[in-house]
N, C-alpha and C. Protein backbone atom coordinates (compact mmCIF):
# COMPACT_ATOMS: atom_id res chain seq x y z
N MET A 1 71.86 -27.65 8.68
CA MET A 1 73.08 -28.14 9.24
C MET A 1 72.93 -29.61 9.69
N ILE A 2 73.85 -30.47 9.33
CA ILE A 2 73.87 -31.60 9.60
C ILE A 2 74.09 -31.80 11.22
N LYS A 3 73.24 -32.57 11.81
CA LYS A 3 73.38 -32.82 13.23
C LYS A 3 74.17 -33.97 13.61
N LYS A 4 74.11 -35.32 12.90
CA LYS A 4 74.80 -36.50 13.17
C LYS A 4 74.42 -37.45 12.09
N LEU A 5 75.22 -38.47 11.97
CA LEU A 5 75.01 -39.65 11.15
C LEU A 5 73.84 -40.34 11.81
N SER A 6 72.81 -40.65 11.09
CA SER A 6 71.61 -41.26 11.69
C SER A 6 71.65 -42.76 11.52
N ASN A 7 72.00 -43.20 10.13
CA ASN A 7 72.06 -44.68 9.95
C ASN A 7 72.71 -44.71 8.52
N ILE A 8 73.23 -45.95 8.36
CA ILE A 8 73.70 -46.49 7.05
C ILE A 8 72.82 -47.75 6.76
N THR A 9 72.39 -47.67 5.45
CA THR A 9 71.60 -48.81 4.97
C THR A 9 72.41 -49.47 3.87
N ILE A 10 72.71 -50.90 3.99
CA ILE A 10 73.42 -51.48 3.10
C ILE A 10 72.60 -52.61 2.38
N PRO A 11 72.65 -52.72 0.99
CA PRO A 11 71.81 -53.82 0.32
C PRO A 11 72.60 -55.07 0.43
N VAL A 12 71.78 -56.20 0.70
CA VAL A 12 72.25 -57.46 1.00
C VAL A 12 71.40 -58.56 0.06
N SER A 13 71.96 -59.59 -0.05
CA SER A 13 71.39 -60.71 -0.89
C SER A 13 70.38 -61.52 -0.03
N ASP A 14 70.55 -61.57 1.28
CA ASP A 14 69.62 -62.59 2.11
C ASP A 14 69.45 -61.87 3.46
N ILE A 15 68.26 -61.25 3.62
CA ILE A 15 68.00 -60.62 4.98
C ILE A 15 68.14 -61.57 6.14
N LYS A 16 67.53 -62.75 6.02
CA LYS A 16 67.53 -63.76 7.12
C LYS A 16 68.96 -64.10 7.51
N GLU A 17 69.80 -64.40 6.47
CA GLU A 17 71.23 -64.75 6.82
C GLU A 17 71.94 -63.45 7.48
N THR A 18 71.59 -62.24 6.93
CA THR A 18 72.03 -61.14 7.55
C THR A 18 71.79 -60.83 8.91
N VAL A 19 70.57 -61.13 9.27
CA VAL A 19 70.02 -60.98 10.70
C VAL A 19 70.64 -61.96 11.50
N GLU A 20 70.88 -63.17 11.08
CA GLU A 20 71.54 -64.23 11.91
C GLU A 20 72.93 -63.85 12.20
N PHE A 21 73.71 -63.20 11.18
CA PHE A 21 75.03 -62.87 11.35
C PHE A 21 75.29 -61.90 12.36
N TYR A 22 74.51 -60.65 12.08
CA TYR A 22 74.67 -59.45 12.91
C TYR A 22 74.16 -59.65 14.33
N GLU A 23 73.00 -60.37 14.36
CA GLU A 23 72.41 -60.52 15.72
C GLU A 23 73.15 -61.54 16.57
N LYS A 24 73.25 -62.76 15.90
CA LYS A 24 73.78 -64.04 16.76
C LYS A 24 75.33 -64.04 16.66
N VAL A 25 76.00 -63.60 15.67
CA VAL A 25 77.38 -63.79 15.54
C VAL A 25 78.05 -62.47 16.19
N LEU A 26 77.70 -61.33 15.72
CA LEU A 26 78.28 -60.17 16.16
C LEU A 26 77.59 -59.61 17.53
N GLY A 27 76.45 -60.09 17.73
CA GLY A 27 75.83 -59.71 19.10
C GLY A 27 75.14 -58.35 19.06
N LEU A 28 74.83 -57.66 17.98
CA LEU A 28 74.21 -56.45 17.88
C LEU A 28 72.74 -56.56 18.16
N LYS A 29 72.17 -55.53 18.88
CA LYS A 29 70.84 -55.58 19.11
C LYS A 29 69.77 -55.15 18.03
N LYS A 30 68.88 -55.89 17.76
CA LYS A 30 67.97 -55.57 16.69
C LYS A 30 67.01 -54.40 17.21
N LYS A 31 66.89 -53.33 16.39
CA LYS A 31 66.00 -52.21 16.81
C LYS A 31 64.60 -52.63 16.24
N TYR A 32 64.45 -53.03 14.92
CA TYR A 32 63.25 -53.41 14.33
C TYR A 32 63.49 -54.26 13.05
N LYS A 33 62.49 -54.85 12.59
CA LYS A 33 62.69 -55.76 11.44
C LYS A 33 61.43 -55.85 10.64
N TRP A 34 61.33 -55.51 9.36
CA TRP A 34 60.13 -55.87 8.59
C TRP A 34 60.66 -56.92 7.61
N SER A 35 59.85 -57.36 6.70
CA SER A 35 60.29 -58.47 5.61
C SER A 35 61.27 -57.93 4.74
N ASN A 36 61.46 -56.64 4.44
CA ASN A 36 62.40 -56.15 3.62
C ASN A 36 63.38 -55.14 4.19
N TYR A 37 63.48 -55.14 5.48
CA TYR A 37 64.45 -54.19 6.11
C TYR A 37 64.67 -54.55 7.60
N VAL A 38 65.86 -54.35 8.05
CA VAL A 38 66.31 -54.82 9.45
C VAL A 38 67.28 -53.73 9.84
N ALA A 39 67.14 -53.27 11.10
CA ALA A 39 67.96 -52.27 11.51
C ALA A 39 68.58 -52.74 12.98
N PHE A 40 69.89 -52.52 13.23
CA PHE A 40 70.58 -52.76 14.48
C PHE A 40 71.12 -51.49 15.15
N ASP A 41 71.18 -51.52 16.53
CA ASP A 41 71.78 -50.35 17.12
C ASP A 41 73.28 -50.73 17.08
N CYS A 42 74.09 -49.77 16.59
CA CYS A 42 75.61 -49.89 16.55
C CYS A 42 76.12 -48.71 17.29
N GLY A 43 76.16 -48.71 18.55
CA GLY A 43 76.84 -47.56 19.38
C GLY A 43 76.02 -46.22 19.02
N GLY A 44 74.72 -46.27 18.86
CA GLY A 44 74.01 -45.04 18.75
C GLY A 44 73.75 -44.71 17.17
N VAL A 45 74.38 -45.38 16.29
CA VAL A 45 74.05 -45.28 14.99
C VAL A 45 73.30 -46.53 14.45
N GLU A 46 72.39 -46.34 13.62
CA GLU A 46 71.66 -47.47 13.03
C GLU A 46 72.38 -48.03 11.87
N LEU A 47 72.49 -49.35 12.03
CA LEU A 47 73.17 -50.03 10.87
C LEU A 47 72.10 -50.98 10.25
N ALA A 48 71.62 -50.70 9.09
CA ALA A 48 70.48 -51.22 8.40
C ALA A 48 70.72 -52.01 7.18
N PHE A 49 69.82 -52.94 6.91
CA PHE A 49 70.03 -53.69 5.73
C PHE A 49 68.78 -53.97 5.00
N GLU A 50 68.71 -54.07 3.55
CA GLU A 50 67.64 -54.27 2.73
C GLU A 50 68.11 -55.03 1.55
N PRO A 51 67.10 -55.75 0.89
CA PRO A 51 67.43 -56.49 -0.31
C PRO A 51 68.00 -55.68 -1.41
N GLY A 52 68.85 -56.21 -2.06
CA GLY A 52 69.42 -55.54 -3.31
C GLY A 52 70.85 -55.93 -3.67
N GLY A 53 71.44 -56.57 -2.66
CA GLY A 53 72.96 -56.84 -2.86
C GLY A 53 73.16 -58.20 -3.60
N SER A 54 74.19 -58.64 -3.92
CA SER A 54 74.53 -59.68 -4.56
C SER A 54 75.80 -60.38 -3.79
N LYS A 55 75.72 -61.59 -3.49
CA LYS A 55 76.83 -62.24 -2.73
C LYS A 55 78.14 -62.10 -3.77
N GLY A 56 79.24 -61.80 -3.15
CA GLY A 56 80.40 -61.66 -3.93
C GLY A 56 80.55 -60.40 -4.90
N LYS A 57 79.58 -59.83 -4.94
CA LYS A 57 79.61 -58.74 -5.92
C LYS A 57 79.36 -57.31 -5.16
N LYS A 58 79.96 -56.25 -5.53
CA LYS A 58 79.71 -54.96 -4.91
C LYS A 58 78.85 -54.06 -5.84
N GLU A 59 77.49 -54.58 -5.95
CA GLU A 59 76.52 -53.79 -6.78
C GLU A 59 75.77 -52.70 -6.18
N GLY A 60 75.26 -52.83 -5.08
CA GLY A 60 74.60 -51.83 -4.37
C GLY A 60 75.50 -50.87 -3.57
N SER A 61 75.11 -49.62 -3.54
CA SER A 61 75.99 -48.74 -2.72
C SER A 61 75.15 -48.56 -1.33
N PRO A 62 76.07 -48.53 -0.23
CA PRO A 62 75.35 -48.16 0.99
C PRO A 62 74.65 -46.79 0.99
N TYR A 63 73.69 -46.60 1.79
CA TYR A 63 72.94 -45.32 1.88
C TYR A 63 73.39 -44.78 3.18
N MET A 64 73.98 -43.60 3.24
CA MET A 64 74.31 -42.83 4.42
C MET A 64 73.08 -41.82 4.63
N PHE A 65 72.55 -42.02 5.89
CA PHE A 65 71.51 -41.00 6.19
C PHE A 65 72.00 -39.96 7.31
N LEU A 66 72.03 -38.77 6.84
CA LEU A 66 72.43 -37.69 7.70
C LEU A 66 71.35 -36.90 8.19
N LEU A 67 71.10 -36.84 9.52
CA LEU A 67 70.02 -36.23 10.30
C LEU A 67 70.20 -34.80 10.15
N VAL A 68 69.07 -34.17 9.79
CA VAL A 68 69.01 -32.61 9.72
C VAL A 68 67.70 -32.13 10.33
N ASP A 69 67.72 -30.87 10.72
CA ASP A 69 66.57 -30.15 11.25
C ASP A 69 65.47 -30.09 10.23
N ASN A 70 65.76 -29.64 8.93
CA ASN A 70 64.73 -29.28 7.97
C ASN A 70 65.38 -29.76 6.66
N VAL A 71 64.85 -30.78 5.98
CA VAL A 71 65.25 -31.39 4.73
C VAL A 71 65.10 -30.33 3.63
N ASP A 72 63.89 -29.63 3.69
CA ASP A 72 63.62 -28.73 2.45
C ASP A 72 64.54 -27.49 2.68
N THR A 73 64.93 -26.95 3.76
CA THR A 73 65.84 -25.88 3.76
C THR A 73 67.19 -26.46 3.34
N GLU A 74 67.65 -27.51 3.73
CA GLU A 74 69.04 -28.21 3.31
C GLU A 74 69.03 -28.37 1.92
N TYR A 75 67.93 -28.93 1.28
CA TYR A 75 67.84 -29.29 -0.03
C TYR A 75 67.83 -27.87 -0.86
N ARG A 76 67.26 -26.76 -0.58
CA ARG A 76 67.34 -25.59 -1.28
C ARG A 76 68.83 -25.07 -1.18
N GLU A 77 69.30 -24.96 -0.03
CA GLU A 77 70.78 -24.40 0.16
C GLU A 77 71.79 -25.35 -0.63
N LEU A 78 71.57 -26.50 -0.68
CA LEU A 78 72.63 -27.30 -1.49
C LEU A 78 72.41 -27.21 -2.97
N LYS A 79 71.10 -27.05 -3.41
CA LYS A 79 70.69 -26.88 -4.79
C LYS A 79 71.33 -25.58 -5.21
N ASN A 80 71.23 -24.58 -4.36
CA ASN A 80 71.83 -23.24 -4.69
C ASN A 80 73.36 -23.27 -4.74
N LYS A 81 74.02 -24.28 -4.16
CA LYS A 81 75.39 -24.45 -4.32
C LYS A 81 75.91 -25.37 -5.56
N GLY A 82 74.75 -25.84 -6.36
CA GLY A 82 74.82 -26.54 -7.59
C GLY A 82 74.87 -28.10 -7.45
N ILE A 83 74.45 -28.47 -6.24
CA ILE A 83 74.32 -29.87 -5.88
C ILE A 83 73.08 -30.48 -6.76
N LYS A 84 73.36 -31.57 -7.53
CA LYS A 84 72.23 -32.13 -8.21
C LYS A 84 71.74 -33.38 -7.32
N PHE A 85 70.57 -33.47 -7.09
CA PHE A 85 69.87 -34.45 -6.16
C PHE A 85 69.30 -35.58 -7.08
N LYS A 86 69.36 -36.75 -6.45
CA LYS A 86 68.86 -37.95 -7.07
C LYS A 86 67.24 -37.89 -6.81
N SER A 87 66.85 -37.48 -5.63
CA SER A 87 65.44 -37.26 -5.31
C SER A 87 65.19 -35.97 -4.52
N GLU A 88 64.11 -35.39 -4.85
CA GLU A 88 63.57 -34.23 -4.19
C GLU A 88 63.00 -34.70 -2.79
N PRO A 89 62.91 -33.77 -1.86
CA PRO A 89 62.33 -34.12 -0.52
C PRO A 89 60.95 -34.61 -0.61
N ARG A 90 60.91 -35.87 0.05
CA ARG A 90 59.50 -36.61 -0.01
C ARG A 90 59.40 -37.22 1.40
N VAL A 91 58.11 -37.52 1.76
CA VAL A 91 57.79 -38.29 2.88
C VAL A 91 57.83 -39.70 2.56
N THR A 92 58.35 -40.54 3.48
CA THR A 92 58.58 -41.96 3.21
C THR A 92 57.60 -42.73 3.96
N SER A 93 57.32 -44.03 3.66
CA SER A 93 56.25 -44.93 4.32
C SER A 93 56.73 -45.24 5.73
N TRP A 94 58.04 -45.01 6.02
CA TRP A 94 58.43 -45.28 7.47
C TRP A 94 58.57 -44.07 8.40
N GLY A 95 58.11 -42.96 7.84
CA GLY A 95 57.91 -41.85 8.73
C GLY A 95 59.09 -40.67 8.60
N GLY A 96 59.96 -40.81 7.73
CA GLY A 96 60.94 -39.80 7.61
C GLY A 96 60.65 -38.99 6.43
N ARG A 97 61.34 -37.87 6.33
CA ARG A 97 61.34 -36.99 5.10
C ARG A 97 62.70 -36.97 4.71
N VAL A 98 62.90 -37.39 3.37
CA VAL A 98 64.27 -37.45 2.90
C VAL A 98 64.30 -36.82 1.45
N ALA A 99 65.69 -36.54 1.19
CA ALA A 99 66.07 -36.00 -0.10
C ALA A 99 67.44 -36.77 -0.35
N SER A 100 67.75 -37.31 -1.66
CA SER A 100 69.10 -37.91 -1.64
C SER A 100 69.82 -37.35 -2.89
N LEU A 101 71.02 -37.47 -2.66
CA LEU A 101 72.17 -36.95 -3.63
C LEU A 101 73.23 -37.97 -3.70
N THR A 102 74.27 -37.73 -4.49
CA THR A 102 75.39 -38.54 -4.49
C THR A 102 76.65 -37.84 -4.18
N ASP A 103 77.72 -38.41 -3.66
CA ASP A 103 78.92 -37.76 -3.47
C ASP A 103 79.68 -37.89 -4.67
N PRO A 104 80.97 -37.31 -4.76
CA PRO A 104 81.76 -37.37 -5.94
C PRO A 104 82.07 -38.81 -6.55
N ASP A 105 82.08 -39.77 -5.56
CA ASP A 105 82.26 -41.25 -5.93
C ASP A 105 81.03 -42.01 -6.25
N GLY A 106 79.94 -41.26 -6.18
CA GLY A 106 78.64 -41.95 -6.50
C GLY A 106 77.98 -42.64 -5.26
N ASN A 107 78.53 -42.41 -4.17
CA ASN A 107 77.80 -43.02 -2.89
C ASN A 107 76.65 -42.08 -2.56
N VAL A 108 75.47 -42.79 -2.29
CA VAL A 108 74.33 -42.16 -1.89
C VAL A 108 74.18 -41.51 -0.52
N VAL A 109 73.94 -40.34 -0.35
CA VAL A 109 73.83 -39.63 0.66
C VAL A 109 72.39 -39.06 0.96
N CYS A 110 71.70 -39.52 1.93
CA CYS A 110 70.41 -39.03 2.24
C CYS A 110 70.15 -37.99 3.27
N LEU A 111 69.59 -36.95 3.10
CA LEU A 111 69.41 -35.99 4.10
C LEU A 111 67.93 -36.55 4.78
N LEU A 112 67.95 -36.67 6.07
CA LEU A 112 66.74 -37.19 6.75
C LEU A 112 66.24 -36.15 7.88
N GLN A 113 64.92 -36.05 7.96
CA GLN A 113 64.22 -35.40 8.97
C GLN A 113 63.23 -36.29 9.42
N TRP A 114 63.20 -36.42 10.70
CA TRP A 114 62.01 -37.29 11.33
C TRP A 114 60.78 -36.37 11.61
N LYS A 115 59.61 -37.10 11.38
CA LYS A 115 58.43 -36.15 11.61
C LYS A 115 58.31 -35.83 13.16
N GLU A 116 57.83 -34.79 13.40
CA GLU A 116 57.66 -34.32 14.75
C GLU A 116 56.54 -35.08 15.28
N LYS A 117 56.69 -35.36 16.67
CA LYS A 117 55.62 -36.10 17.27
C LYS A 117 54.73 -35.28 18.09
């Protein structure tokens, strides 16, 4: 069962410029930043950016991360409903377990489970 929207990750052409805009212009608080990823708190939802976009072009699709209790359980239930996944459940380098699919318009939806501490 989906618990809440965890974050949205948007591909951008220039991380440095993006940080400047969202932090300095819009005043969002940065949660963390790596060379290839930055995330801001946006009212309890993480708004994140990574390389991959192009100025003036709509090439990359935002990634919506939906927080779930158990990625593997959700994956099996949705596969049984005929959903085709872009990726099977996997552990990421940043500590989450994810599986991704696309909605009818091709938008990427990732099921996210954080590792237990």
